[in-house]
PDB file of N, CA and C in Angstrom:
ATOM      1  N   MET A   1     -10.418  -0.981   2.623  1.00  0.00           N
ATOM      2  CA  MET A   1      -9.711  -1.857   2.028  1.00  0.00           C
ATOM      3  C   MET A   1      -9.419  -2.943   3.083  1.00  0.00           C
ATOM      4  N   ASN A   2     -10.549  -3.558   3.730  1.00  0.00           N
ATOM      5  CA  ASN A   2     -10.020  -4.467   4.731  1.00  0.00           C
ATOM      6  C   ASN A   2      -9.780  -5.805   4.160  1.00  0.00           C
ATOM      7  N   LYS A   3      -9.143  -6.791   4.948  1.00  0.00           N
ATOM      8  CA  LYS A   3      -8.697  -7.954   4.518  1.00  0.00           C
ATOM      9  C   LYS A   3      -9.718  -9.103   3.849  1.00  0.00           C
ATOM     10  N   ALA A   4     -10.959  -8.937   4.437  1.00  0.00           N
ATOM     11  CA  ALA A   4     -12.013  -9.748   4.037  1.00  0.00           C
ATOM     12  C   ALA A   4     -12.581  -9.375   2.728  1.00  0.00           C
ATOM     13  N   SER A   5     -12.347  -7.883   2.243  1.00  0.00           N
ATOM     14  CA  SER A   5     -13.009  -7.647   1.083  1.00  0.00           C
ATOM     15  C   SER A   5     -12.365  -8.189  -0.418  1.00  0.00           C
ATOM     16  N   VAL A   6     -11.289  -8.852  -0.272  1.00  0.00           N
ATOM     17  CA  VAL A   6     -10.392  -9.062  -1.374  1.00  0.00           C
ATOM     18  C   VAL A   6     -10.980 -10.492  -2.029  1.00  0.00           C
ATOM     19  N   THR A   7     -11.547 -10.544  -3.040  1.00  0.00           N
ATOM     20  CA  THR A   7     -11.946 -11.971  -3.624  1.00  0.00           C
ATOM     21  C   THR A   7     -11.959 -11.853  -5.125  1.00  0.00           C
ATOM     22  N   GLY A   8     -12.359 -12.968  -5.910  1.00  0.00           N
ATOM     23  CA  GLY A   8     -12.471 -13.011  -7.282  1.00  0.00           C
ATOM     24  C   GLY A   8     -11.361 -12.801  -8.186  1.00  0.00           C
ATOM     25  N   VAL A   9     -10.184 -12.952  -7.723  1.00  0.00           N
ATOM     26  CA  VAL A   9      -8.882 -12.750  -8.398  1.00  0.00           C
ATOM     27  C   VAL A   9      -8.006 -13.794  -8.462  1.00  0.00           C
ATOM     28  N   ASN A  10      -7.431 -14.389  -9.466  1.00  0.00           N
ATOM     29  CA  ASN A  10      -6.105 -15.429  -9.357  1.00  0.00           C
ATOM     30  C   ASN A  10      -5.076 -14.826  -8.872  1.00  0.00           C
ATOM     31  N   LEU A  11      -4.848 -15.003  -7.485  1.00  0.00           N
ATOM     32  CA  LEU A  11      -3.896 -13.896  -6.697  1.00  0.00           C
ATOM     33  C   LEU A  11      -2.581 -14.517  -7.070  1.00  0.00           C
ATOM     34  N   LEU A  12      -2.273 -15.863  -7.486  1.00  0.00           N
ATOM     35  CA  LEU A  12      -0.975 -16.292  -7.916  1.00  0.00           C
ATOM     36  C   LEU A  12      -0.450 -15.713  -9.146  1.00  0.00           C
ATOM     37  N   GLU A  13      -1.349 -15.253  -9.995  1.00  0.00           N
ATOM     38  CA  GLU A  13      -0.904 -14.581 -11.315  1.00  0.00           C
ATOM     39  C   GLU A  13      -0.092 -13.453 -11.126  1.00  0.00           C
ATOM     40  N   GLU A  14      -0.266 -12.607 -10.017  1.00  0.00           N
ATOM     41  CA  GLU A  14       0.482 -11.620  -9.819  1.00  0.00           C
ATOM     42  C   GLU A  14       1.215 -11.447  -8.576  1.00  0.00           C
ATOM     43  N   ALA A  15       1.609 -12.527  -8.046  1.00  0.00           N
ATOM     44  CA  ALA A  15       2.340 -12.800  -6.718  1.00  0.00           C
ATOM     45  C   ALA A  15       3.851 -12.011  -7.124  1.00  0.00           C
ATOM     46  N   VAL A  16       4.284 -11.381  -6.297  1.00  0.00           N
ATOM     47  CA  VAL A  16       5.636 -10.903  -6.194  1.00  0.00           C
ATOM     48  C   VAL A  16       6.621 -11.331  -5.018  1.00  0.00           C
ATOM     49  N   GLN A  17       7.858 -11.370  -5.329  1.00  0.00           N
ATOM     50  CA  GLN A  17       8.835 -11.273  -4.141  1.00  0.00           C
ATOM     51  C   GLN A  17       8.897 -10.260  -3.288  1.00  0.00           C
ATOM     52  N   ALA A  18       9.439 -10.439  -2.065  1.00  0.00           N
ATOM     53  CA  ALA A  18       9.272  -9.201  -1.210  1.00  0.00           C
ATOM     54  C   ALA A  18      10.389  -8.207  -1.650  1.00  0.00           C
ATOM     55  N   ALA A  19      11.486  -8.483  -2.387  1.00  0.00           N
ATOM     56  CA  ALA A  19      12.353  -7.571  -2.875  1.00  0.00           C
ATOM     57  C   ALA A  19      11.657  -6.554  -3.991  1.00  0.00           C
ATOM     58  N   VAL A  20      10.573  -7.166  -4.800  1.00  0.00           N
ATOM     59  CA  VAL A  20       9.974  -6.313  -5.888  1.00  0.00           C
ATOM     60  C   VAL A  20       9.020  -5.398  -4.973  1.00  0.00           C
ATOM     61  N   PHE A  21       8.227  -6.092  -3.984  1.00  0.00           N
ATOM     62  CA  PHE A  21       7.405  -5.201  -3.250  1.00  0.00           C
ATOM     63  C   PHE A  21       8.141  -4.149  -2.503  1.00  0.00           C
ATOM     64  N   LYS A  22       9.254  -4.371  -1.956  1.00  0.00           N
ATOM     65  CA  LYS A  22       9.866  -3.120  -1.275  1.00  0.00           C
ATOM     66  C   LYS A  22      10.445  -2.057  -2.606  1.00  0.00           C
ATOM     67  N   ALA A  23      10.790  -2.781  -3.532  1.00  0.00           N
ATOM     68  CA  ALA A  23      11.147  -1.735  -4.607  1.00  0.00           C
ATOM     69  C   ALA A  23       9.869  -0.997  -4.954  1.00  0.00           C
ATOM     70  N   GLU A  24       8.836  -1.496  -5.045  1.00  0.00           N
ATOM     71  CA  GLU A  24       7.463  -0.797  -5.346  1.00  0.00           C
ATOM     72  C   GLU A  24       7.293   0.444  -4.289  1.00  0.00           C
ATOM     73  N   VAL A  25       7.577   0.008  -2.928  1.00  0.00           N
ATOM     74  CA  VAL A  25       7.267   0.823  -1.902  1.00  0.00           C
ATOM     75  C   VAL A  25       8.346   2.054  -2.030  1.00  0.00           C
ATOM     76  N   GLU A  26       9.673   1.791  -2.485  1.00  0.00           N
ATOM     77  CA  GLU A  26      10.743   2.849  -2.536  1.00  0.00           C
ATOM     78  C   GLU A  26      10.219   3.862  -3.888  1.00  0.00           C
ATOM     79  N   ALA A  27       9.878   2.971  -4.797  1.00  0.00           N
ATOM     80  CA  ALA A  27       9.450   3.905  -6.198  1.00  0.00           C
ATOM     81  C   ALA A  27       8.150   4.967  -5.698  1.00  0.00           C
ATOM     82  N   TRP A  28       7.174   4.479  -4.912  1.00  0.00           N
ATOM     83  CA  TRP A  28       5.967   5.266  -4.475  1.00  0.00           C
ATOM     84  C   TRP A  28       6.584   6.344  -3.619  1.00  0.00           C
ATOM     85  N   ALA A  29       7.395   5.979  -2.755  1.00  0.00           N
ATOM     86  CA  ALA A  29       8.073   6.968  -1.730  1.00  0.00           C
ATOM     87  C   ALA A  29       8.651   8.237  -2.402  1.00  0.00           C
ATOM     88  N   ARG A  30       9.477   7.931  -3.422  1.00  0.00           N
ATOM     89  CA  ARG A  30       9.978   8.736  -4.076  1.00  0.00           C
ATOM     90  C   ARG A  30       9.068   9.754  -4.946  1.00  0.00           C
ATOM     91  N   ARG A  31       7.985   9.105  -5.444  1.00  0.00           N
ATOM     92  CA  ARG A  31       7.196   9.920  -6.009  1.00  0.00           C
ATOM     93  C   ARG A  31       6.347  10.905  -5.250  1.00  0.00           C
ATOM     94  N   ILE A  32       5.918  10.242  -4.017  1.00  0.00           N
ATOM     95  CA  ILE A  32       5.141  11.013  -2.997  1.00  0.00           C
ATOM     96  C   ILE A  32       6.092  12.023  -2.311  1.00  0.00           C
ATOM     97  N   GLY A  33       7.267  11.663  -2.315  1.00  0.00           N
ATOM     98  CA  GLY A  33       8.217  12.711  -1.514  1.00  0.00           C
ATOM     99  C   GLY A  33       8.253  12.471   0.039  1.00  0.00           C
ATOM    100  N   VAL A  34       8.366  11.174   0.366  1.00  0.00           N
ATOM    101  CA  VAL A  34       8.535  10.842   1.788  1.00  0.00           C
ATOM    102  C   VAL A  34       9.722   9.617   1.905  1.00  0.00           C
ATOM    103  N   ASP A  35      10.366   9.658   3.138  1.00  0.00           N
ATOM    104  CA  ASP A  35      11.235   8.530   3.234  1.00  0.00           C
ATOM    105  C   ASP A  35      11.056   7.917   4.583  1.00  0.00           C
ATOM    106  N   PRO A  36      10.387   6.625   4.455  1.00  0.00           N
ATOM    107  CA  PRO A  36      10.099   5.940   5.760  1.00  0.00           C
ATOM    108  C   PRO A  36      11.474   5.506   6.388  1.00  0.00           C
ATOM    109  N   LYS A  37      11.442   5.536   7.501  1.00  0.00           N
ATOM    110  CA  LYS A  37      12.715   5.050   8.079  1.00  0.00           C
ATOM    111  C   LYS A  37      12.884   3.536   8.162  1.00  0.00           C
ATOM    112  N   GLU A  38      11.923   2.850   7.928  1.00  0.00           N
ATOM    113  CA  GLU A  38      12.067   1.361   7.850  1.00  0.00           C
ATOM    114  C   GLU A  38      10.805   0.802   7.133  1.00  0.00           C
ATOM    115  N   VAL A  39      10.955  -0.182   6.323  1.00  0.00           N
ATOM    116  CA  VAL A  39       9.738  -1.034   5.607  1.00  0.00           C
ATOM    117  C   VAL A  39      10.017  -2.460   5.994  1.00  0.00           C
ATOM    118  N   ARG A  40       8.848  -2.912   6.624  1.00  0.00           N
ATOM    119  CA  ARG A  40       8.893  -4.424   7.117  1.00  0.00           C
ATOM    120  C   ARG A  40       7.707  -5.147   6.421  1.00  0.00           C
ATOM    121  N   LEU A  41       7.936  -6.363   6.273  1.00  0.00           N
ATOM    122  CA  LEU A  41       6.944  -7.515   6.000  1.00  0.00           C
ATOM    123  C   LEU A  41       6.813  -8.387   6.824  1.00  0.00           C
ATOM    124  N   ARG A  42       5.447  -8.604   7.551  1.00  0.00           N
ATOM    125  CA  ARG A  42       5.388  -9.715   8.444  1.00  0.00           C
ATOM    126  C   ARG A  42       3.756 -10.126   8.131  1.00  0.00           C
ATOM    127  N   SER A  43       3.584 -11.319   8.620  1.00  0.00           N
ATOM    128  CA  SER A  43       2.124 -11.633   8.682  1.00  0.00           C
ATOM    129  C   SER A  43       1.260 -10.965   9.676  1.00  0.00           C
ATOM    130  N   MET A  44       0.136 -10.407   9.218  1.00  0.00           N
ATOM    131  CA  MET A  44      -0.652  -9.711   9.877  1.00  0.00           C
ATOM    132  C   MET A  44      -2.154 -10.188   9.934  1.00  0.00           C
ATOM    133  N   LYS A  45      -2.847 -10.396  11.021  1.00  0.00           N
ATOM    134  CA  LYS A  45      -4.315 -11.106  10.717  1.00  0.00           C
ATOM    135  C   LYS A  45      -5.286 -10.089  10.471  1.00  0.00           C
ATOM    136  N   ARG A  46      -5.378  -8.879  10.913  1.00  0.00           N
ATOM    137  CA  ARG A  46      -6.543  -8.047  10.630  1.00  0.00           C
ATOM    138  C   ARG A  46      -6.242  -6.883   9.714  1.00  0.00           C
ATOM    139  N   LYS A  47      -4.941  -6.275   9.472  1.00  0.00           N
ATOM    140  CA  LYS A  47      -4.579  -5.378   8.731  1.00  0.00           C
ATOM    141  C   LYS A  47      -3.741  -5.568   7.502  1.00  0.00           C
ATOM    142  N   TRP A  48      -3.943  -4.792   6.430  1.00  0.00           N
ATOM    143  CA  TRP A  48      -2.878  -4.976   5.350  1.00  0.00           C
ATOM    144  C   TRP A  48      -1.464  -4.255   5.650  1.00  0.00           C
ATOM    145  N   ALA A  49      -1.766  -3.081   6.634  1.00  0.00           N
ATOM    146  CA  ALA A  49      -0.522  -2.343   6.884  1.00  0.00           C
ATOM    147  C   ALA A  49      -0.687  -1.503   7.977  1.00  0.00           C
ATOM    148  N   ILE A  50       0.460  -0.989   8.414  1.00  0.00           N
ATOM    149  CA  ILE A  50       0.373   0.004   9.535  1.00  0.00           C
ATOM    150  C   ILE A  50       1.561   0.818   9.492  1.00  0.00           C
ATOM    151  N   CYS A  51       1.320   2.264   9.878  1.00  0.00           N
ATOM    152  CA  CYS A  51       2.295   3.172   9.983  1.00  0.00           C
ATOM    153  C   CYS A  51       2.499   3.609  11.235  1.00  0.00           C
ATOM    154  N   SER A  52       3.766   3.352  11.610  1.00  0.00           N
ATOM    155  CA  SER A  52       3.956   4.005  13.066  1.00  0.00           C
ATOM    156  C   SER A  52       4.207   5.346  13.259  1.00  0.00           C
ATOM    157  N   SER A  53       4.086   5.934  14.279  1.00  0.00           N
ATOM    158  CA  SER A  53       4.380   7.432  14.720  1.00  0.00           C
ATOM    159  C   SER A  53       5.935   7.718  14.376  1.00  0.00           C
ATOM    160  N   SER A  54       6.877   6.608  14.244  1.00  0.00           N
ATOM    161  CA  SER A  54       8.135   6.657  14.205  1.00  0.00           C
ATOM    162  C   SER A  54       8.403   6.620  12.693  1.00  0.00           C
ATOM    163  N   GLU A  55       7.574   6.541  11.938  1.00  0.00           N
ATOM    164  CA  GLU A  55       7.703   6.462  10.445  1.00  0.00           C
ATOM    165  C   GLU A  55       8.175   5.165   9.935  1.00  0.00           C
ATOM    166  N   ARG A  56       7.918   4.097  10.523  1.00  0.00           N
ATOM    167  CA  ARG A  56       7.931   2.826  10.226  1.00  0.00           C
ATOM    168  C   ARG A  56       6.916   2.167   9.552  1.00  0.00           C
ATOM    169  N   LEU A  57       6.882   1.561   8.365  1.00  0.00           N
ATOM    170  CA  LEU A  57       5.933   0.972   7.872  1.00  0.00           C
ATOM    171  C   LEU A  57       5.987  -0.510   7.811  1.00  0.00           C
ATOM    172  N   THR A  58       4.789  -1.218   8.292  1.00  0.00           N
ATOM    173  CA  THR A  58       4.702  -2.498   8.280  1.00  0.00           C
ATOM    174  C   THR A  58       3.738  -3.123   7.192  1.00  0.00           C
ATOM    175  N   PHE A  59       3.922  -3.929   6.465  1.00  0.00           N
ATOM    176  CA  PHE A  59       3.059  -4.644   5.380  1.00  0.00           C
ATOM    177  C   PHE A  59       2.656  -6.040   5.669  1.00  0.00           C
ATOM    178  N   ASP A  60       1.513  -6.369   5.488  1.00  0.00           N
ATOM    179  CA  ASP A  60       1.431  -7.932   5.685  1.00  0.00           C
ATOM    180  C   ASP A  60       1.933  -8.546   4.360  1.00  0.00           C
ATOM    181  N   THR A  61       2.338  -9.746   4.739  1.00  0.00           N
ATOM    182  CA  THR A  61       2.892 -10.663   3.639  1.00  0.00           C
ATOM    183  C   THR A  61       1.827 -10.992   2.619  1.00  0.00           C
ATOM    184  N   GLY A  62       0.639 -11.084   3.152  1.00  0.00           N
ATOM    185  CA  GLY A  62      -0.470 -11.481   2.178  1.00  0.00           C
ATOM    186  C   GLY A  62      -0.415 -10.650   0.943  1.00  0.00           C
ATOM    187  N   LEU A  63       0.078  -9.243   1.020  1.00  0.00           N
ATOM    188  CA  LEU A  63       0.154  -8.311   0.020  1.00  0.00           C
ATOM    189  C   LEU A  63       1.021  -8.790  -1.355  1.00  0.00           C
ATOM    190  N   LEU A  64       1.898  -9.638  -0.865  1.00  0.00           N
ATOM    191  CA  LEU A  64       2.574 -10.053  -1.951  1.00  0.00           C
ATOM    192  C   LEU A  64       2.049 -11.066  -3.003  1.00  0.00           C
ATOM    193  N   ARG A  65       0.813 -11.451  -2.609  1.00  0.00           N
ATOM    194  CA  ARG A  65      -0.129 -12.305  -3.491  1.00  0.00           C
ATOM    195  C   ARG A  65      -1.281 -11.407  -4.033  1.00  0.00           C
ATOM    196  N   GLN A  66      -1.251 -10.186  -3.770  1.00  0.00           N
ATOM    197  CA  GLN A  66      -2.416  -9.455  -4.361  1.00  0.00           C
ATOM    198  C   GLN A  66      -2.034  -8.789  -5.499  1.00  0.00           C
ATOM    199  N   PRO A  67      -3.159  -8.292  -6.485  1.00  0.00           N
ATOM    200  CA  PRO A  67      -2.945  -7.711  -7.592  1.00  0.00           C
ATOM    201  C   PRO A  67      -2.127  -6.364  -7.660  1.00  0.00           C
ATOM    202  N   ALA A  68      -1.482  -6.001  -8.617  1.00  0.00           N
ATOM    203  CA  ALA A  68      -0.616  -4.985  -8.637  1.00  0.00           C
ATOM    204  C   ALA A  68      -1.272  -3.651  -7.984  1.00  0.00           C
ATOM    205  N   ALA A  69      -2.562  -3.366  -8.486  1.00  0.00           N
ATOM    206  CA  ALA A  69      -3.321  -2.197  -8.202  1.00  0.00           C
ATOM    207  C   ALA A  69      -3.690  -2.067  -6.652  1.00  0.00           C
ATOM    208  N   PHE A  70      -3.988  -3.363  -6.118  1.00  0.00           N
ATOM    209  CA  PHE A  70      -4.363  -3.391  -4.899  1.00  0.00           C
ATOM    210  C   PHE A  70      -3.148  -3.144  -4.035  1.00  0.00           C
ATOM    211  N   ARG A  71      -1.879  -3.656  -4.319  1.00  0.00           N
ATOM    212  CA  ARG A  71      -0.723  -3.383  -3.772  1.00  0.00           C
ATOM    213  C   ARG A  71      -0.257  -1.807  -3.627  1.00  0.00           C
ATOM    214  N   ALA A  72      -0.483  -1.231  -4.731  1.00  0.00           N
ATOM    215  CA  ALA A  72      -0.275  -0.026  -4.875  1.00  0.00           C
ATOM    216  C   ALA A  72      -1.171   0.863  -4.107  1.00  0.00           C
ATOM    217  N   GLU A  73      -2.395   0.612  -3.985  1.00  0.00           N
ATOM    218  CA  GLU A  73      -3.447   1.169  -2.986  1.00  0.00           C
ATOM    219  C   GLU A  73      -2.968   1.190  -1.499  1.00  0.00           C
ATOM    220  N   ALA A  74      -2.515  -0.003  -1.130  1.00  0.00           N
ATOM    221  CA  ALA A  74      -2.046  -0.186   0.160  1.00  0.00           C
ATOM    222  C   ALA A  74      -0.661   0.740   0.479  1.00  0.00           C
ATOM    223  N   ILE A  75       0.309   0.549  -0.424  1.00  0.00           N
ATOM    224  CA  ILE A  75       1.362   1.102  -0.408  1.00  0.00           C
ATOM    225  C   ILE A  75       1.449   2.747  -0.293  1.00  0.00           C
ATOM    226  N   VAL A  76       0.577   3.250  -1.162  1.00  0.00           N
ATOM    227  CA  VAL A  76       0.303   4.739  -1.270  1.00  0.00           C
ATOM    228  C   VAL A  76      -0.494   5.023  -0.041  1.00  0.00           C
ATOM    229  N   HIS A  77      -1.567   4.160   0.535  1.00  0.00           N
ATOM    230  CA  HIS A  77      -2.204   4.757   1.535  1.00  0.00           C
ATOM    231  C   HIS A  77      -1.242   4.801   2.871  1.00  0.00           C
ATOM    232  N   GLU A  78      -0.476   3.963   3.119  1.00  0.00           N
ATOM    233  CA  GLU A  78       0.524   3.920   4.354  1.00  0.00           C
ATOM    234  C   GLU A  78       1.656   5.048   4.133  1.00  0.00           C
ATOM    235  N   LEU A  79       2.070   5.068   2.805  1.00  0.00           N
ATOM    236  CA  LEU A  79       3.224   6.361   2.713  1.00  0.00           C
ATOM    237  C   LEU A  79       2.507   7.761   2.861  1.00  0.00           C
ATOM    238  N   LEU A  80       1.350   7.870   2.502  1.00  0.00           N
ATOM    239  CA  LEU A  80       0.631   9.068   2.851  1.00  0.00           C
ATOM    240  C   LEU A  80       0.407   9.552   4.083  1.00  0.00           C
ATOM    241  N   HIS A  81       0.278   8.586   5.042  1.00  0.00           N
ATOM    242  CA  HIS A  81       0.144   8.915   6.424  1.00  0.00           C
ATOM    243  C   HIS A  81       1.696   9.576   6.970  1.00  0.00           C
ATOM    244  N   LEU A  82       2.670   9.455   6.225  1.00  0.00           N
ATOM    245  CA  LEU A  82       3.797  10.237   6.629  1.00  0.00           C
ATOM    246  C   LEU A  82       3.570  11.655   6.404  1.00  0.00           C
ATOM    247  N   LYS A  83       2.609  11.987   5.493  1.00  0.00           N
ATOM    248  CA  LYS A  83       2.438  13.505   5.186  1.00  0.00           C
ATOM    249  C   LYS A  83       1.120  13.767   6.040  1.00  0.00           C
ATOM    250  N   VAL A  84       0.142  12.934   6.106  1.00  0.00           N
ATOM    251  CA  VAL A  84      -1.099  13.328   6.640  1.00  0.00           C
ATOM    252  C   VAL A  84      -1.500  12.224   7.580  1.00  0.00           C
ATOM    253  N   PRO A  85      -1.550  12.348   8.866  1.00  0.00           N
ATOM    254  CA  PRO A  85      -1.659  11.379   9.844  1.00  0.00           C
ATOM    255  C   PRO A  85      -3.069  10.972   9.970  1.00  0.00           C
ATOM    256  N   ASN A  86      -4.087  11.441   9.309  1.00  0.00           N
ATOM    257  CA  ASN A  86      -5.511  11.043   9.463  1.00  0.00           C
ATOM    258  C   ASN A  86      -6.126  10.534   8.217  1.00  0.00           C
ATOM    259  N   HIS A  87      -7.332  10.088   8.301  1.00  0.00           N
ATOM    260  CA  HIS A  87      -7.917   9.678   6.945  1.00  0.00           C
ATOM    261  C   HIS A  87      -8.961  10.987   6.534  1.00  0.00           C
ATOM    262  N   GLY A  88      -8.598  12.222   6.784  1.00  0.00           N
ATOM    263  CA  GLY A  88      -9.715  13.472   6.434  1.00  0.00           C
ATOM    264  C   GLY A  88      -9.688  13.620   4.950  1.00  0.00           C
ATOM    265  N   ARG A  89     -10.428  14.759   4.458  1.00  0.00           N
ATOM    266  CA  ARG A  89     -10.427  15.175   3.382  1.00  0.00           C
ATOM    267  C   ARG A  89      -9.091  15.194   2.446  1.00  0.00           C
ATOM    268  N   LEU A  90      -8.253  15.895   3.093  1.00  0.00           N
ATOM    269  CA  LEU A  90      -6.775  16.006   2.289  1.00  0.00           C
ATOM    270  C   LEU A  90      -6.423  14.644   2.007  1.00  0.00           C
ATOM    271  N   PHE A  91      -6.408  13.732   3.025  1.00  0.00           N
ATOM    272  CA  PHE A  91      -5.670  12.374   2.831  1.00  0.00           C
ATOM    273  C   PHE A  91      -6.447  11.754   1.567  1.00  0.00           C
ATOM    274  N   ARG A  92      -7.690  11.739   1.780  1.00  0.00           N
ATOM    275  CA  ARG A  92      -8.564  11.058   0.564  1.00  0.00           C
ATOM    276  C   ARG A  92      -8.324  11.647  -0.747  1.00  0.00           C
ATOM    277  N   SER A  93      -8.109  12.792  -0.831  1.00  0.00           N
ATOM    278  CA  SER A  93      -8.073  13.636  -2.182  1.00  0.00           C
ATOM    279  C   SER A  93      -6.475  13.132  -2.652  1.00  0.00           C
ATOM    280  N   LEU A  94      -5.569  13.434  -1.750  1.00  0.00           N
ATOM    281  CA  LEU A  94      -4.283  12.711  -2.307  1.00  0.00           C
ATOM    282  C   LEU A  94      -4.239  11.461  -2.763  1.00  0.00           C
ATOM    283  N   LEU A  95      -4.872  10.585  -1.858  1.00  0.00           N
ATOM    284  CA  LEU A  95      -4.820   9.073  -2.278  1.00  0.00           C
ATOM    285  C   LEU A  95      -5.508   8.912  -3.708  1.00  0.00           C
ATOM    286  N   LEU A  96      -6.678   9.526  -3.836  1.00  0.00           N
ATOM    287  CA  LEU A  96      -7.289   9.461  -5.164  1.00  0.00           C
ATOM    288  C   LEU A  96      -6.518  10.074  -6.299  1.00  0.00           C
ATOM    289  N   SER A  97      -5.700  11.142  -6.047  1.00  0.00           N
ATOM    290  CA  SER A  97      -4.865  11.697  -6.945  1.00  0.00           C
ATOM    291  C   SER A  97      -3.801  10.762  -7.461  1.00  0.00           C
ATOM    292  N   TYR A  98      -2.967  10.268  -6.390  1.00  0.00           N
ATOM    293  CA  TYR A  98      -2.012   9.395  -6.828  1.00  0.00           C
ATOM    294  C   TYR A  98      -2.292   8.116  -7.529  1.00  0.00           C
ATOM    295  N   LEU A  99      -3.562   7.644  -7.113  1.00  0.00           N
ATOM    296  CA  LEU A  99      -3.979   6.184  -7.761  1.00  0.00           C
ATOM    297  C   LEU A  99      -4.859   6.446  -8.936  1.00  0.00           C
ATOM    298  N   ALA A 100      -4.969   7.621  -9.330  1.00  0.00           N
ATOM    299  CA  ALA A 100      -5.819   7.905 -10.517  1.00  0.00           C
ATOM    300  C   ALA A 100      -5.325   6.980 -11.814  1.00  0.00           C
ATOM    301  N   GLY A 101      -4.182   6.998 -11.887  1.00  0.00           N
ATOM    302  CA  GLY A 101      -3.722   6.162 -13.175  1.00  0.00           C
ATOM    303  C   GLY A 101      -3.536   4.664 -12.881  1.00  0.00           C
ATOM    304  N   GLN A 102      -3.762   4.074 -11.686  1.00  0.00           N
ATOM    305  CA  GLN A 102      -3.618   2.964 -11.238  1.00  0.00           C
ATOM    306  C   GLN A 102      -4.791   2.053 -11.332  1.00  0.00           C
ATOM    307  N   ARG A 103      -5.927   2.551 -11.335  1.00  0.00           N
ATOM    308  CA  ARG A 103      -7.322   1.949 -11.301  1.00  0.00           C
ATOM    309  C   ARG A 103      -7.546   1.401 -12.797  1.00  0.00           C
ATOM    310  N   GLY A 104      -8.057   0.213 -12.844  1.00  0.00           N
ATOM    311  CA  GLY A 104      -8.650  -0.301 -14.113  1.00  0.00           C
ATOM    312  C   GLY A 104      -9.999   0.386 -14.312  1.00  0.00           C
ATOM    313  N   PRO A 105     -10.555  -0.149 -15.540  1.00  0.00           N
ATOM    314  CA  PRO A 105     -12.032   0.357 -16.004  1.00  0.00           C
ATOM    315  C   PRO A 105     -13.051   0.056 -14.989  1.00  0.00           C
ATOM    316  N   SER A 106     -12.986  -0.900 -14.174  1.00  0.00           N
ATOM    317  CA  SER A 106     -13.968  -1.116 -13.088  1.00  0.00           C
ATOM    318  C   SER A 106     -14.246  -0.345 -12.041  1.00  0.00           C
ATOM    319  N   HIS A 107     -13.203   0.812 -11.684  1.00  0.00           N
ATOM    320  CA  HIS A 107     -13.231   1.496 -10.561  1.00  0.00           C
ATOM    321  C   HIS A 107     -13.634   2.788 -10.755  1.00  0.00           C
TER     322      HIS A 107
END
């Protein structure tokens, strides 16, 4: 899910405000059962998001212009790092499980 791989969608059609994005993060956090200490939005050049060891999540402002399913994937990915700090088998299984209902027919 690197930044260079997102193409082919009219991104403005699904643009959301920062408050809506943060509400999406809060809803997913409740569903997953985690409580990040802080959620920030800022411009990032190379990543969509980061999760610090102090349980602070930072998301790229570019996510506000991405499709809902893509935002969900980025949000769930970072929130899961509060439970599983690596990208191992457990992490991938949980990610797929939470996102199973989020993906369209092309995935």
